[in-house]
PDB file of all heavy atoms in Angstrom:
ATOM      1  N   CYS A   1      98.662  78.564 103.399  1.00  0.00           N
ATOM      2  CA  CYS A   1      98.536  77.904 102.045  1.00  0.00           C
ATOM      3  C   CYS A   1      97.364  78.384 101.275  1.00  0.00           C
ATOM      4  O   CYS A   1      97.428  78.317 100.031  1.00  0.00           O
ATOM      5  CB  CYS A   1      98.470  76.356 102.246  1.00  0.00           C
ATOM      6  SG  CYS A   1      99.954  75.631 102.972  1.00  0.00           S
ATOM      7  N   LEU A   2      96.315  78.797 101.949  1.00  0.00           N
ATOM      8  CA  LEU A   2      95.153  79.293 101.253  1.00  0.00           C
ATOM      9  C   LEU A   2      95.000  80.809 101.119  1.00  0.00           C
ATOM     10  O   LEU A   2      94.767  81.391 100.125  1.00  0.00           O
ATOM     11  CB  LEU A   2      93.882  78.733 101.868  1.00  0.00           C
ATOM     12  CG  LEU A   2      93.700  77.189 101.916  1.00  0.00           C
ATOM     13  CD1 LEU A   2      92.389  76.782 102.511  1.00  0.00           C
ATOM     14  CD2 LEU A   2      93.901  76.559 100.536  1.00  0.00           C
ATOM     15  N   PHE A   3      95.183  81.417 102.305  1.00  0.00           N
ATOM     16  CA  PHE A   3      94.941  82.898 102.320  1.00  0.00           C
ATOM     17  C   PHE A   3      95.967  83.641 101.535  1.00  0.00           C
ATOM     18  O   PHE A   3      95.661  84.564 100.829  1.00  0.00           O
ATOM     19  CB  PHE A   3      94.977  83.394 103.779  1.00  0.00           C
ATOM     20  CG  PHE A   3      93.742  83.099 104.567  1.00  0.00           C
ATOM     21  CD1 PHE A   3      92.922  81.998 104.204  1.00  0.00           C
ATOM     22  CD2 PHE A   3      93.385  83.845 105.695  1.00  0.00           C
ATOM     23  CE1 PHE A   3      91.718  81.752 104.967  1.00  0.00           C
ATOM     24  CE2 PHE A   3      92.275  83.665 106.381  1.00  0.00           C
ATOM     25  CZ  PHE A   3      91.425  82.499 106.040  1.00  0.00           C
ATOM     26  N   ILE A   4      97.221  83.211 101.622  1.00  0.00           N
ATOM     27  CA  ILE A   4      98.314  84.014 100.942  1.00  0.00           C
ATOM     28  C   ILE A   4      98.150  84.059  99.487  1.00  0.00           C
ATOM     29  O   ILE A   4      98.170  85.132  98.863  1.00  0.00           O
ATOM     30  CB  ILE A   4      99.726  83.488 101.349  1.00  0.00           C
ATOM     31  CG1 ILE A   4      99.968  83.924 102.842  1.00  0.00           C
ATOM     32  CG2 ILE A   4     100.804  84.051 100.467  1.00  0.00           C
ATOM     33  CD1 ILE A   4     101.261  83.419 103.415  1.00  0.00           C
ATOM     34  N   PRO A   5      97.981  82.913  98.720  1.00  0.00           N
ATOM     35  CA  PRO A   5      97.838  83.097  97.274  1.00  0.00           C
ATOM     36  C   PRO A   5      96.573  83.862  96.894  1.00  0.00           C
ATOM     37  O   PRO A   5      96.564  84.676  95.979  1.00  0.00           O
ATOM     38  CB  PRO A   5      97.808  81.623  96.797  1.00  0.00           C
ATOM     39  CG  PRO A   5      97.465  80.831  97.924  1.00  0.00           C
ATOM     40  CD  PRO A   5      98.078  81.547  99.122  1.00  0.00           C
ATOM     41  N   LEU A   6      95.489  83.658  97.664  1.00  0.00           N
ATOM     42  CA  LEU A   6      94.270  84.435  97.404  1.00  0.00           C
ATOM     43  C   LEU A   6      94.479  85.909  97.574  1.00  0.00           C
ATOM     44  O   LEU A   6      94.102  86.718  96.746  1.00  0.00           O
ATOM     45  CB  LEU A   6      93.130  83.917  98.319  1.00  0.00           C
ATOM     46  CG  LEU A   6      92.516  82.639  98.015  1.00  0.00           C
ATOM     47  CD1 LEU A   6      91.586  82.256  99.160  1.00  0.00           C
ATOM     48  CD2 LEU A   6      91.736  82.627  96.765  1.00  0.00           C
ATOM     49  N   LEU A   7      95.141  86.286  98.648  1.00  0.00           N
ATOM     50  CA  LEU A   7      95.377  87.711  98.948  1.00  0.00           C
ATOM     51  C   LEU A   7      96.272  88.367  97.957  1.00  0.00           C
ATOM     52  O   LEU A   7      96.124  89.530  97.540  1.00  0.00           O
ATOM     53  CB  LEU A   7      95.912  87.882 100.367  1.00  0.00           C
ATOM     54  CG  LEU A   7      94.981  87.626 101.566  1.00  0.00           C
ATOM     55  CD1 LEU A   7      95.710  87.567 102.855  1.00  0.00           C
ATOM     56  CD2 LEU A   7      93.876  88.684 101.524  1.00  0.00           C
ATOM     57  N   ILE A   8      97.311  87.589  97.448  1.00  0.00           N
ATOM     58  CA  ILE A   8      98.164  88.134  96.418  1.00  0.00           C
ATOM     59  C   ILE A   8      97.411  88.475  95.136  1.00  0.00           C
ATOM     60  O   ILE A   8      97.574  89.564  94.529  1.00  0.00           O
ATOM     61  CB  ILE A   8      99.289  87.201  96.148  1.00  0.00           C
ATOM     62  CG1 ILE A   8     100.310  87.128  97.359  1.00  0.00           C
ATOM     63  CG2 ILE A   8     100.121  87.597  94.896  1.00  0.00           C
ATOM     64  CD1 ILE A   8     101.386  86.071  97.241  1.00  0.00           C
ATOM     65  N   ILE A   9      96.618  87.521  94.752  1.00  0.00           N
ATOM     66  CA  ILE A   9      95.790  87.735  93.520  1.00  0.00           C
ATOM     67  C   ILE A   9      94.798  88.881  93.756  1.00  0.00           C
ATOM     68  O   ILE A   9      94.643  89.751  92.848  1.00  0.00           O
ATOM     69  CB  ILE A   9      95.060  86.468  93.060  1.00  0.00           C
ATOM     70  CG1 ILE A   9      96.004  85.380  92.731  1.00  0.00           C
ATOM     71  CG2 ILE A   9      94.078  86.739  91.991  1.00  0.00           C
ATOM     72  CD1 ILE A   9      96.853  85.652  91.489  1.00  0.00           C
ATOM     73  N   ILE A  10      94.089  88.922  94.869  1.00  0.00           N
ATOM     74  CA  ILE A  10      93.160  89.951  95.156  1.00  0.00           C
ATOM     75  C   ILE A  10      93.851  91.351  95.158  1.00  0.00           C
ATOM     76  O   ILE A  10      93.313  92.313  94.612  1.00  0.00           O
ATOM     77  CB  ILE A  10      92.435  89.702  96.460  1.00  0.00           C
ATOM     78  CG1 ILE A  10      91.471  88.439  96.274  1.00  0.00           C
ATOM     79  CG2 ILE A  10      91.603  90.889  96.886  1.00  0.00           C
ATOM     80  CD1 ILE A  10      90.903  88.026  97.609  1.00  0.00           C
ATOM     81  N   GLN A  11      94.948  91.439  95.813  1.00  0.00           N
ATOM     82  CA  GLN A  11      95.713  92.677  95.869  1.00  0.00           C
ATOM     83  C   GLN A  11      96.091  93.167  94.464  1.00  0.00           C
ATOM     84  O   GLN A  11      96.019  94.390  94.178  1.00  0.00           O
ATOM     85  CB  GLN A  11      97.009  92.560  96.691  1.00  0.00           C
ATOM     86  CG  GLN A  11      97.758  93.835  96.870  1.00  0.00           C
ATOM     87  CD  GLN A  11      99.140  93.651  97.492  1.00  0.00           C
ATOM     88  OE1 GLN A  11      99.929  92.793  97.087  1.00  0.00           O
ATOM     89  NE2 GLN A  11      99.411  94.343  98.601  1.00  0.00           N
ATOM     90  N   GLY A  12      96.432  92.237  93.601  1.00  0.00           N
ATOM     91  CA  GLY A  12      96.778  92.666  92.240  1.00  0.00           C
ATOM     92  C   GLY A  12      95.575  92.979  91.353  1.00  0.00           C
ATOM     93  O   GLY A  12      95.681  93.779  90.439  1.00  0.00           O
ATOM     94  N   LYS A  13      94.442  92.453  91.690  1.00  0.00           N
ATOM     95  CA  LYS A  13      93.239  92.685  90.842  1.00  0.00           C
ATOM     96  C   LYS A  13      92.282  93.727  91.359  1.00  0.00           C
ATOM     97  O   LYS A  13      91.635  94.444  90.634  1.00  0.00           O
ATOM     98  CB  LYS A  13      92.495  91.313  90.738  1.00  0.00           C
ATOM     99  CG  LYS A  13      93.142  90.275  89.850  1.00  0.00           C
ATOM    100  CD  LYS A  13      93.051  90.552  88.423  1.00  0.00           C
ATOM    101  CE  LYS A  13      93.599  89.475  87.580  1.00  0.00           C
ATOM    102  NZ  LYS A  13      93.528  89.784  86.075  1.00  0.00           N
ATOM    103  N   ASP A  14      92.174  93.763  92.727  1.00  0.00           N
ATOM    104  CA  ASP A  14      91.151  94.699  93.331  1.00  0.00           C
ATOM    105  C   ASP A  14      91.635  95.158  94.653  1.00  0.00           C
ATOM    106  O   ASP A  14      91.441  94.543  95.670  1.00  0.00           O
ATOM    107  CB  ASP A  14      89.817  93.900  93.482  1.00  0.00           C
ATOM    108  CG  ASP A  14      88.630  94.814  93.894  1.00  0.00           C
ATOM    109  OD1 ASP A  14      88.923  95.854  94.413  1.00  0.00           O
ATOM    110  OD2 ASP A  14      87.524  94.410  93.731  1.00  0.00           O
ATOM    111  N   ILE A  15      92.407  96.267  94.646  1.00  0.00           N
ATOM    112  CA  ILE A  15      93.061  96.748  95.851  1.00  0.00           C
ATOM    113  C   ILE A  15      92.034  97.201  96.904  1.00  0.00           C
ATOM    114  O   ILE A  15      92.278  97.051  98.135  1.00  0.00           O
ATOM    115  CB  ILE A  15      94.018  97.975  95.550  1.00  0.00           C
ATOM    116  CG1 ILE A  15      94.837  98.358  96.764  1.00  0.00           C
ATOM    117  CG2 ILE A  15      93.174  99.139  95.019  1.00  0.00           C
ATOM    118  CD1 ILE A  15      95.752  97.215  97.182  1.00  0.00           C
ATOM    119  N   GLU A  16      90.866  97.587  96.516  1.00  0.00           N
ATOM    120  CA  GLU A  16      89.832  98.064  97.488  1.00  0.00           C
ATOM    121  C   GLU A  16      89.339  96.828  98.189  1.00  0.00           C
ATOM    122  O   GLU A  16      89.087  96.861  99.434  1.00  0.00           O
ATOM    123  CB  GLU A  16      88.700  98.772  96.826  1.00  0.00           C
ATOM    124  CG  GLU A  16      89.098 100.133  96.233  1.00  0.00           C
ATOM    125  CD  GLU A  16      89.656 101.063  97.334  1.00  0.00           C
ATOM    126  OE1 GLU A  16      89.107 101.096  98.419  1.00  0.00           O
ATOM    127  OE2 GLU A  16      90.670 101.778  97.099  1.00  0.00           O
ATOM    128  N   LEU A  17      89.124  95.780  97.543  1.00  0.00           N
ATOM    129  CA  LEU A  17      88.697  94.461  98.140  1.00  0.00           C
ATOM    130  C   LEU A  17      89.791  93.962  99.069  1.00  0.00           C
ATOM    131  O   LEU A  17      89.494  93.502 100.235  1.00  0.00           O
ATOM    132  CB  LEU A  17      88.369  93.437  97.142  1.00  0.00           C
ATOM    133  CG  LEU A  17      87.883  92.068  97.631  1.00  0.00           C
ATOM    134  CD1 LEU A  17      86.660  92.230  98.471  1.00  0.00           C
ATOM    135  CD2 LEU A  17      87.729  91.082  96.501  1.00  0.00           C
ATOM    136  N   PHE A  18      91.056  94.085  98.700  1.00  0.00           N
ATOM    137  CA  PHE A  18      92.133  93.674  99.527  1.00  0.00           C
ATOM    138  C   PHE A  18      92.141  94.460 100.821  1.00  0.00           C
ATOM    139  O   PHE A  18      92.322  93.947 101.967  1.00  0.00           O
ATOM    140  CB  PHE A  18      93.439  93.851  98.832  1.00  0.00           C
ATOM    141  CG  PHE A  18      94.689  93.556  99.591  1.00  0.00           C
ATOM    142  CD1 PHE A  18      95.106  92.209  99.816  1.00  0.00           C
ATOM    143  CD2 PHE A  18      95.396  94.582 100.261  1.00  0.00           C
ATOM    144  CE1 PHE A  18      96.187  91.968 100.593  1.00  0.00           C
ATOM    145  CE2 PHE A  18      96.550  94.309 100.999  1.00  0.00           C
ATOM    146  CZ  PHE A  18      96.910  93.003 101.194  1.00  0.00           C
ATOM    147  N   ARG A  19      91.904  95.740 100.755  1.00  0.00           N
ATOM    148  CA  ARG A  19      91.867  96.582 101.903  1.00  0.00           C
ATOM    149  C   ARG A  19      90.628  96.292 102.852  1.00  0.00           C
ATOM    150  O   ARG A  19      90.778  96.348 104.068  1.00  0.00           O
ATOM    151  CB  ARG A  19      91.878  98.115 101.547  1.00  0.00           C
ATOM    152  CG  ARG A  19      93.212  98.542 100.958  1.00  0.00           C
ATOM    153  CD  ARG A  19      93.037  99.920 100.328  1.00  0.00           C
ATOM    154  NE  ARG A  19      94.313 100.401  99.772  1.00  0.00           N
ATOM    155  CZ  ARG A  19      94.445 101.388  98.877  1.00  0.00           C
ATOM    156  NH1 ARG A  19      93.355 102.049  98.473  1.00  0.00           N
ATOM    157  NH2 ARG A  19      95.663 101.760  98.479  1.00  0.00           N
ATOM    158  N   ALA A  20      89.570  95.939 102.219  1.00  0.00           N
ATOM    159  CA  ALA A  20      88.354  95.639 103.028  1.00  0.00           C
ATOM    160  C   ALA A  20      88.616  94.286 103.826  1.00  0.00           C
ATOM    161  O   ALA A  20      88.296  94.215 104.967  1.00  0.00           O
ATOM    162  CB  ALA A  20      87.162  95.394 102.095  1.00  0.00           C
ATOM    163  N   ILE A  21      89.336  93.391 103.202  1.00  0.00           N
ATOM    164  CA  ILE A  21      89.625  92.112 103.915  1.00  0.00           C
ATOM    165  C   ILE A  21      90.644  92.324 105.037  1.00  0.00           C
ATOM    166  O   ILE A  21      90.410  91.985 106.149  1.00  0.00           O
ATOM    167  CB  ILE A  21      90.145  91.051 102.912  1.00  0.00           C
ATOM    168  CG1 ILE A  21      89.015  90.691 101.899  1.00  0.00           C
ATOM    169  CG2 ILE A  21      90.628  89.798 103.658  1.00  0.00           C
ATOM    170  CD1 ILE A  21      89.550  89.870 100.738  1.00  0.00           C
ATOM    171  N   THR A  22      91.759  92.941 104.655  1.00  0.00           N
ATOM    172  CA  THR A  22      92.838  93.028 105.626  1.00  0.00           C
ATOM    173  C   THR A  22      92.610  94.178 106.646  1.00  0.00           C
ATOM    174  O   THR A  22      93.286  94.118 107.693  1.00  0.00           O
ATOM    175  CB  THR A  22      94.198  93.339 104.906  1.00  0.00           C
ATOM    176  OG1 THR A  22      94.079  94.523 104.142  1.00  0.00           O
ATOM    177  CG2 THR A  22      94.570  92.161 103.982  1.00  0.00           C
ATOM    178  N   GLY A  23      91.666  95.004 106.357  1.00  0.00           N
ATOM    179  CA  GLY A  23      91.311  96.039 107.327  1.00  0.00           C
ATOM    180  C   GLY A  23      90.261  95.670 108.281  1.00  0.00           C
ATOM    181  O   GLY A  23      89.893  96.387 109.246  1.00  0.00           O
ATOM    182  N   GLY A  24      89.776  94.387 108.153  1.00  0.00           N
ATOM    183  CA  GLY A  24      88.794  93.853 109.094  1.00  0.00           C
ATOM    184  C   GLY A  24      87.368  94.335 108.894  1.00  0.00           C
ATOM    185  O   GLY A  24      86.501  94.147 109.803  1.00  0.00           O
ATOM    186  N   SER A  25      87.074  94.914 107.727  1.00  0.00           N
ATOM    187  CA  SER A  25      85.623  95.332 107.513  1.00  0.00           C
ATOM    188  C   SER A  25      84.767  94.279 106.848  1.00  0.00           C
ATOM    189  O   SER A  25      83.575  94.452 106.769  1.00  0.00           O
ATOM    190  CB  SER A  25      85.633  96.582 106.666  1.00  0.00           C
ATOM    191  OG  SER A  25      86.228  96.409 105.387  1.00  0.00           O
ATOM    192  N   ASN A  26      85.361  93.197 106.358  1.00  0.00           N
ATOM    193  CA  ASN A  26      84.593  92.117 105.761  1.00  0.00           C
ATOM    194  C   ASN A  26      85.332  90.820 106.030  1.00  0.00           C
ATOM    195  O   ASN A  26      86.349  90.517 105.387  1.00  0.00           O
ATOM    196  CB  ASN A  26      84.404  92.358 104.256  1.00  0.00           C
ATOM    197  CG  ASN A  26      83.350  91.467 103.662  1.00  0.00           C
ATOM    198  OD1 ASN A  26      83.169  90.291 104.074  1.00  0.00           O
ATOM    199  ND2 ASN A  26      82.632  91.997 102.686  1.00  0.00           N
ATOM    200  N   TYR A  27      84.824  89.944 106.918  1.00  0.00           N
ATOM    201  CA  TYR A  27      85.415  88.741 107.261  1.00  0.00           C
ATOM    202  C   TYR A  27      84.978  87.532 106.354  1.00  0.00           C
ATOM    203  O   TYR A  27      85.578  86.455 106.484  1.00  0.00           O
ATOM    204  CB  TYR A  27      85.122  88.424 108.710  1.00  0.00           C
ATOM    205  CG  TYR A  27      85.750  89.362 109.708  1.00  0.00           C
ATOM    206  CD1 TYR A  27      84.868  89.904 110.716  1.00  0.00           C
ATOM    207  CD2 TYR A  27      87.014  89.739 109.617  1.00  0.00           C
ATOM    208  CE1 TYR A  27      85.333  90.778 111.674  1.00  0.00           C
ATOM    209  CE2 TYR A  27      87.518  90.683 110.577  1.00  0.00           C
ATOM    210  CZ  TYR A  27      86.676  91.146 111.565  1.00  0.00           C
ATOM    211  OH  TYR A  27      87.215  92.075 112.519  1.00  0.00           O
ATOM    212  N   ASP A  28      84.013  87.715 105.570  1.00  0.00           N
ATOM    213  CA  ASP A  28      83.392  86.622 104.868  1.00  0.00           C
ATOM    214  C   ASP A  28      83.719  86.603 103.312  1.00  0.00           C
ATOM    215  O   ASP A  28      83.545  85.575 102.665  1.00  0.00           O
ATOM    216  CB  ASP A  28      81.903  86.575 104.986  1.00  0.00           C
ATOM    217  CG  ASP A  28      81.493  86.373 106.444  1.00  0.00           C
ATOM    218  OD1 ASP A  28      82.110  85.456 107.056  1.00  0.00           O
ATOM    219  OD2 ASP A  28      80.708  87.132 106.942  1.00  0.00           O
TER     220      ASP A  28
END
């Protein structure tokens, strides 16, 4: 309920940030 809408918006706005999150390089 929380991660999915955030990740969708982040993927659309900042693909590098999306990759950093989902690639496990930044957990916070």
